[in-house]
Amino acid sequence: MKFIIVKKKTLFIFVLILILILTAILFISYFNQTRETFNTDVYYKGNVEEKIVAFACNVDWGNEYIKPLLEIFKKSNIKITFFVTGRWAENNPDLLKAIYQEGHEIGNHGYNHINYDQLSYERNKEEILKADSAIENILGIKPSLFAPPAGAYNENTIKACKDLNYDIIMWSIDTIDWREDSTKEKIKNRVIENLHNSAIVLMHPTEETVKALPEIIANILDKGYKIGKISDVVKK
């Protein structure tokens, strides 16, 4: 009888140890998955807890508004990040040089302005690399930030960017300035009403953005925020 009790006790301890081992394995597996997801390097906002916001201007059109934007930034002594498509860069090398010579940061917006969430890994990599080469051929620099057109990306995009040492940049404040019903006041309010530390403000070269920008900048600065580039709010 005593032998049976000891045997049951041993079995109980063995089962308990097995459960603990399995629990530990599941926990480690979950932790690694969570860590991998966290380290996908997709930024919807910066990771700097300061009163600073970054402006990201995506460029594939709107050439006539580039220089007015540059003049506004120059007057306010502000440097931002311009994400350009490769095809735009190849067609407008002088404008790209003008942006870069003003001290602005240049990011990759893909070669073609298409939905990258519908592309395979190879196509994602091809489009990003092609834009990378176009920018490097004109400016002699290699970007490290990628902004997918329309914010459309998938796991293939993430993997391609990881393999090419790119961070994916999204946004936390959208001006939606590309829409026909976006007026100066609407654009201004979308930014001012949603300000927060390390915000990434998405914009494009449009007429209404040019109209709204001076007031947006003045309002942000009055609230005690700084305005900068993506690299000012995203620290590795």
Protein backbone atom coordinates (compact mmCIF):
# COMPACT_ATOMS: atom_id res chain seq x y z
CA MET A 1 0.00 0.00 0.00
CA LYS A 2 2.85 2.34 0.95
CA PHE A 3 4.56 1.52 -2.38
CA ILE A 4 1.40 2.48 -4.33
CA ILE A 5 1.18 5.83 -2.48
CA VAL A 6 4.85 6.58 -3.20
CA LYS A 7 4.36 5.61 -6.83
CA LYS A 8 1.33 7.92 -7.16
CA LYS A 9 3.23 10.73 -5.48
CA THR A 10 6.17 10.24 -7.88
CA LEU A 11 3.81 10.21 -10.84
CA PHE A 12 2.14 13.39 -9.59
CA ILE A 13 5.52 15.15 -9.27
CA PHE A 14 6.53 13.95 -12.73
CA VAL A 15 3.27 15.24 -14.27
CA LEU A 16 3.66 18.56 -12.42
CA ILE A 17 7.24 18.99 -13.70
CA LEU A 18 6.08 18.12 -17.23
CA ILE A 19 3.32 20.74 -17.01
CA LEU A 20 5.81 23.36 -15.80
CA ILE A 21 8.21 22.53 -18.64
CA LEU A 22 5.43 22.75 -21.23
CA THR A 23 4.24 26.04 -19.74
CA ALA A 24 7.78 27.44 -19.90
CA ILE A 25 8.14 26.35 -23.54
CA LEU A 26 4.81 27.99 -24.48
CA PHE A 27 5.78 31.18 -22.64
CA ILE A 28 9.15 31.40 -24.37
CA SER A 29 7.53 30.74 -27.73
CA TYR A 30 4.92 33.45 -27.13
CA PHE A 31 7.59 35.89 -25.91
CA ASN A 32 9.69 35.31 -29.03
CA GLN A 33 6.67 35.83 -31.30
CA THR A 34 5.77 39.02 -29.46
CA ARG A 35 9.35 40.25 -29.64
CA GLU A 36 9.53 39.48 -33.34
CA THR A 37 6.31 41.42 -33.96
CA PHE A 38 7.60 44.34 -31.86
CA ASN A 39 10.85 44.43 -33.81
CA THR A 40 9.25 44.66 -37.25
CA ASP A 41 10.45 48.29 -37.28
CA VAL A 42 7.13 49.70 -38.45
CA TYR A 43 6.69 53.15 -36.94
CA TYR A 44 3.32 54.86 -36.72
CA LYS A 45 4.85 57.41 -34.37
CA GLY A 46 8.29 58.08 -33.01
CA ASN A 47 9.77 56.54 -29.88
CA VAL A 48 11.11 59.76 -28.36
CA GLU A 49 9.14 61.08 -25.41
CA GLU A 50 9.71 64.74 -26.18
CA LYS A 51 7.54 67.57 -27.47
CA ILE A 52 8.64 67.09 -31.04
CA VAL A 53 6.75 66.14 -34.20
CA ALA A 54 8.14 64.96 -37.53
CA PHE A 55 6.80 66.07 -40.90
CA ALA A 56 6.79 63.45 -43.66
CA CYS A 57 6.03 64.69 -47.17
CA ASN A 58 5.35 61.93 -49.69
CA VAL A 59 6.21 62.93 -53.26
CA ASP A 60 5.11 61.36 -56.54
CA TRP A 61 3.44 64.45 -58.04
CA GLY A 62 2.79 68.10 -57.16
CA ASN A 63 6.05 69.47 -58.56
CA GLU A 64 4.74 73.02 -58.69
CA TYR A 65 4.34 73.07 -54.91
CA ILE A 66 7.76 71.70 -53.95
CA LYS A 67 9.63 75.01 -54.06
CA PRO A 68 6.90 76.93 -52.17
CA LEU A 69 7.10 74.24 -49.46
CA LEU A 70 10.88 74.55 -49.33
CA GLU A 71 10.58 78.33 -48.94
CA ILE A 72 8.18 77.93 -46.00
CA PHE A 73 10.49 75.44 -44.27
CA LYS A 74 13.52 77.65 -44.95
CA LYS A 75 11.86 80.71 -43.38
CA SER A 76 11.06 78.70 -40.25
CA ASN A 77 14.46 76.95 -40.21
CA ILE A 78 12.76 73.56 -40.28
CA LYS A 79 14.12 70.35 -41.81
CA ILE A 80 11.69 67.52 -42.56
CA THR A 81 11.67 64.16 -44.37
CA PHE A 82 10.65 63.88 -48.02
CA PHE A 83 9.75 60.39 -49.24
CA VAL A 84 10.13 60.25 -53.02
CA THR A 85 9.28 57.56 -55.53
CA GLY A 86 12.08 56.34 -57.75
CA ARG A 87 10.26 57.25 -60.94
CA TRP A 88 9.68 60.78 -59.66
CA ALA A 89 13.34 61.10 -58.68
CA GLU A 90 14.50 60.02 -62.15
CA ASN A 91 12.13 62.47 -63.83
CA ASN A 92 12.94 65.36 -61.46
CA PRO A 93 16.59 65.11 -60.42
CA ASP A 94 17.01 68.88 -60.02
CA LEU A 95 14.02 69.14 -57.68
CA LEU A 96 15.32 66.21 -55.64
CA LYS A 97 18.73 67.88 -55.40
CA ALA A 98 17.08 71.13 -54.32
CA ILE A 99 15.26 69.32 -51.51
CA TYR A 100 18.42 67.58 -50.34
CA GLN A 101 20.59 70.69 -50.58
CA GLU A 102 18.18 72.48 -48.23
CA GLY A 103 19.13 69.91 -45.60
CA HIS A 104 16.00 67.79 -45.70
CA GLU A 105 16.05 64.05 -45.11
CA ILE A 106 15.31 61.81 -48.11
CA GLY A 107 13.31 58.62 -47.75
CA ASN A 108 12.28 55.85 -50.14
CA HIS A 109 8.64 55.81 -51.36
CA GLY A 110 9.11 52.83 -53.65
CA TYR A 111 9.82 53.06 -57.36
CA ASN A 112 6.19 53.01 -58.48
CA HIS A 113 3.26 54.41 -56.51
CA ILE A 114 1.43 51.09 -56.17
CA ASN A 115 -0.06 48.99 -53.37
CA TYR A 116 2.83 47.06 -51.84
CA ASP A 117 0.49 44.90 -49.77
CA GLN A 118 -0.43 43.11 -53.01
CA LEU A 119 3.17 42.33 -53.97
CA SER A 120 5.29 39.26 -53.38
CA TYR A 121 8.51 39.42 -51.39
CA GLU A 122 10.56 39.60 -54.58
CA ARG A 123 8.43 42.38 -56.08
CA ASN A 124 8.56 44.38 -52.85
CA LYS A 125 12.32 44.04 -52.76
CA GLU A 126 12.62 44.92 -56.45
CA GLU A 127 10.53 48.11 -56.14
CA ILE A 128 12.35 49.30 -53.02
CA LEU A 129 15.79 48.55 -54.46
CA LYS A 130 14.97 50.26 -57.75
CA ALA A 131 13.98 53.45 -55.91
CA ASP A 132 17.04 53.09 -53.70
CA SER A 133 19.27 53.03 -56.77
CA ALA A 134 17.50 55.99 -58.40
CA ILE A 135 18.03 58.14 -55.29
CA GLU A 136 21.64 57.03 -54.85
CA ASN A 137 22.46 57.72 -58.51
CA ILE A 138 21.22 61.31 -58.14
CA LEU A 139 22.30 62.22 -54.60
CA GLY A 140 25.00 59.70 -53.78
CA ILE A 141 23.21 58.60 -50.60
CA LYS A 142 21.34 55.47 -49.57
CA PRO A 143 18.06 56.05 -47.70
CA SER A 144 17.17 53.92 -44.69
CA LEU A 145 13.49 54.83 -44.34
CA PHE A 146 10.66 53.43 -46.47
CA ALA A 147 7.14 54.87 -46.62
CA PRO A 148 4.81 52.51 -48.50
CA PRO A 149 2.42 54.35 -50.84
CA ALA A 150 -1.07 54.63 -49.33
CA GLY A 151 0.36 53.00 -46.20
CA ALA A 152 -0.18 49.61 -47.83
CA TYR A 153 2.24 46.90 -46.74
CA ASN A 154 2.24 43.20 -45.86
CA GLU A 155 4.59 40.62 -44.33
CA ASN A 156 6.50 40.51 -47.61
CA THR A 157 7.13 44.25 -47.35
CA ILE A 158 8.34 43.88 -43.77
CA LYS A 159 10.69 41.02 -44.70
CA ALA A 160 12.04 42.89 -47.73
CA CYS A 161 12.68 46.01 -45.63
CA LYS A 162 14.39 43.96 -42.92
CA ASP A 163 16.66 42.35 -45.51
CA LEU A 164 17.46 45.75 -47.04
CA ASN A 165 17.99 47.44 -43.65
CA TYR A 166 15.01 49.76 -44.03
CA ASP A 167 12.57 50.92 -41.37
CA ILE A 168 8.92 51.25 -42.43
CA ILE A 169 7.45 54.67 -41.67
CA MET A 170 3.72 55.24 -41.36
CA TRP A 171 2.00 58.15 -39.59
CA SER A 172 -0.06 59.08 -36.54
CA ILE A 173 -1.55 62.30 -37.98
CA ASP A 174 -2.87 62.35 -41.53
CA THR A 175 -3.57 65.68 -43.23
CA ILE A 176 -5.51 63.84 -45.98
CA ASP A 177 -4.46 66.80 -48.10
CA TRP A 178 -4.66 64.83 -51.35
CA ARG A 179 -8.46 64.77 -51.27
CA GLU A 180 -10.30 67.34 -53.38
CA ASP A 181 -12.43 68.41 -50.40
CA SER A 182 -9.39 69.09 -48.20
CA THR A 183 -9.25 72.81 -47.59
CA LYS A 184 -6.62 74.86 -45.78
CA GLU A 185 -8.75 74.91 -42.60
CA LYS A 186 -9.47 71.18 -42.67
CA ILE A 187 -5.80 70.34 -43.10
CA LYS A 188 -4.79 72.71 -40.30
CA ASN A 189 -7.40 71.32 -37.90
CA ARG A 190 -6.46 67.71 -38.61
CA VAL A 191 -2.94 68.46 -37.44
CA ILE A 192 -3.54 70.89 -34.58
CA GLU A 193 -6.35 68.90 -32.97
CA ASN A 194 -4.31 65.68 -32.87
CA LEU A 195 -0.88 66.82 -31.73
CA HIS A 196 1.10 64.53 -29.44
CA ASN A 197 4.72 63.78 -28.58
CA SER A 198 6.68 62.03 -31.35
CA ALA A 199 3.85 62.43 -33.84
CA ILE A 200 4.50 61.70 -37.50
CA VAL A 201 2.51 64.11 -39.66
CA LEU A 202 1.83 62.93 -43.21
CA MET A 203 1.48 65.50 -45.98
CA HIS A 204 1.86 65.92 -49.74
CA PRO A 205 2.81 68.80 -52.03
CA THR A 206 -0.62 70.34 -52.64
CA GLU A 207 -1.93 73.88 -52.99
CA GLU A 208 -4.00 73.71 -49.80
CA THR A 209 -1.06 72.31 -47.84
CA VAL A 210 1.07 75.26 -48.93
CA LYS A 211 -1.70 77.58 -47.71
CA ALA A 212 -2.12 75.77 -44.39
CA LEU A 213 1.51 75.11 -43.54
CA PRO A 214 2.57 78.54 -42.15
CA GLU A 215 -0.31 78.52 -39.67
CA ILE A 216 0.28 74.87 -38.77
CA ILE A 217 3.95 75.55 -38.06
CA ALA A 218 3.19 78.67 -36.00
CA ASN A 219 0.56 76.83 -33.96
CA ILE A 220 2.79 73.82 -33.29
CA LEU A 221 5.68 76.02 -32.19
CA ASP A 222 3.39 78.13 -29.99
CA LYS A 223 2.37 74.93 -28.20
CA GLY A 224 5.99 74.28 -27.30
CA TYR A 225 6.70 71.56 -29.84
CA LYS A 226 9.72 71.30 -32.09
CA ILE A 227 9.35 70.23 -35.71
CA GLY A 228 11.84 67.91 -37.34
CA LYS A 229 12.68 64.90 -39.47
CA ILE A 230 11.70 61.27 -39.01
CA SER A 231 15.19 60.56 -37.68
CA ASP A 232 14.53 63.14 -34.95
CA VAL A 233 11.62 61.13 -33.52
CA VAL A 234 12.69 57.57 -34.38
CA LYS A 235 15.78 56.53 -32.46
CA LYS A 236 17.32 53.07 -32.89
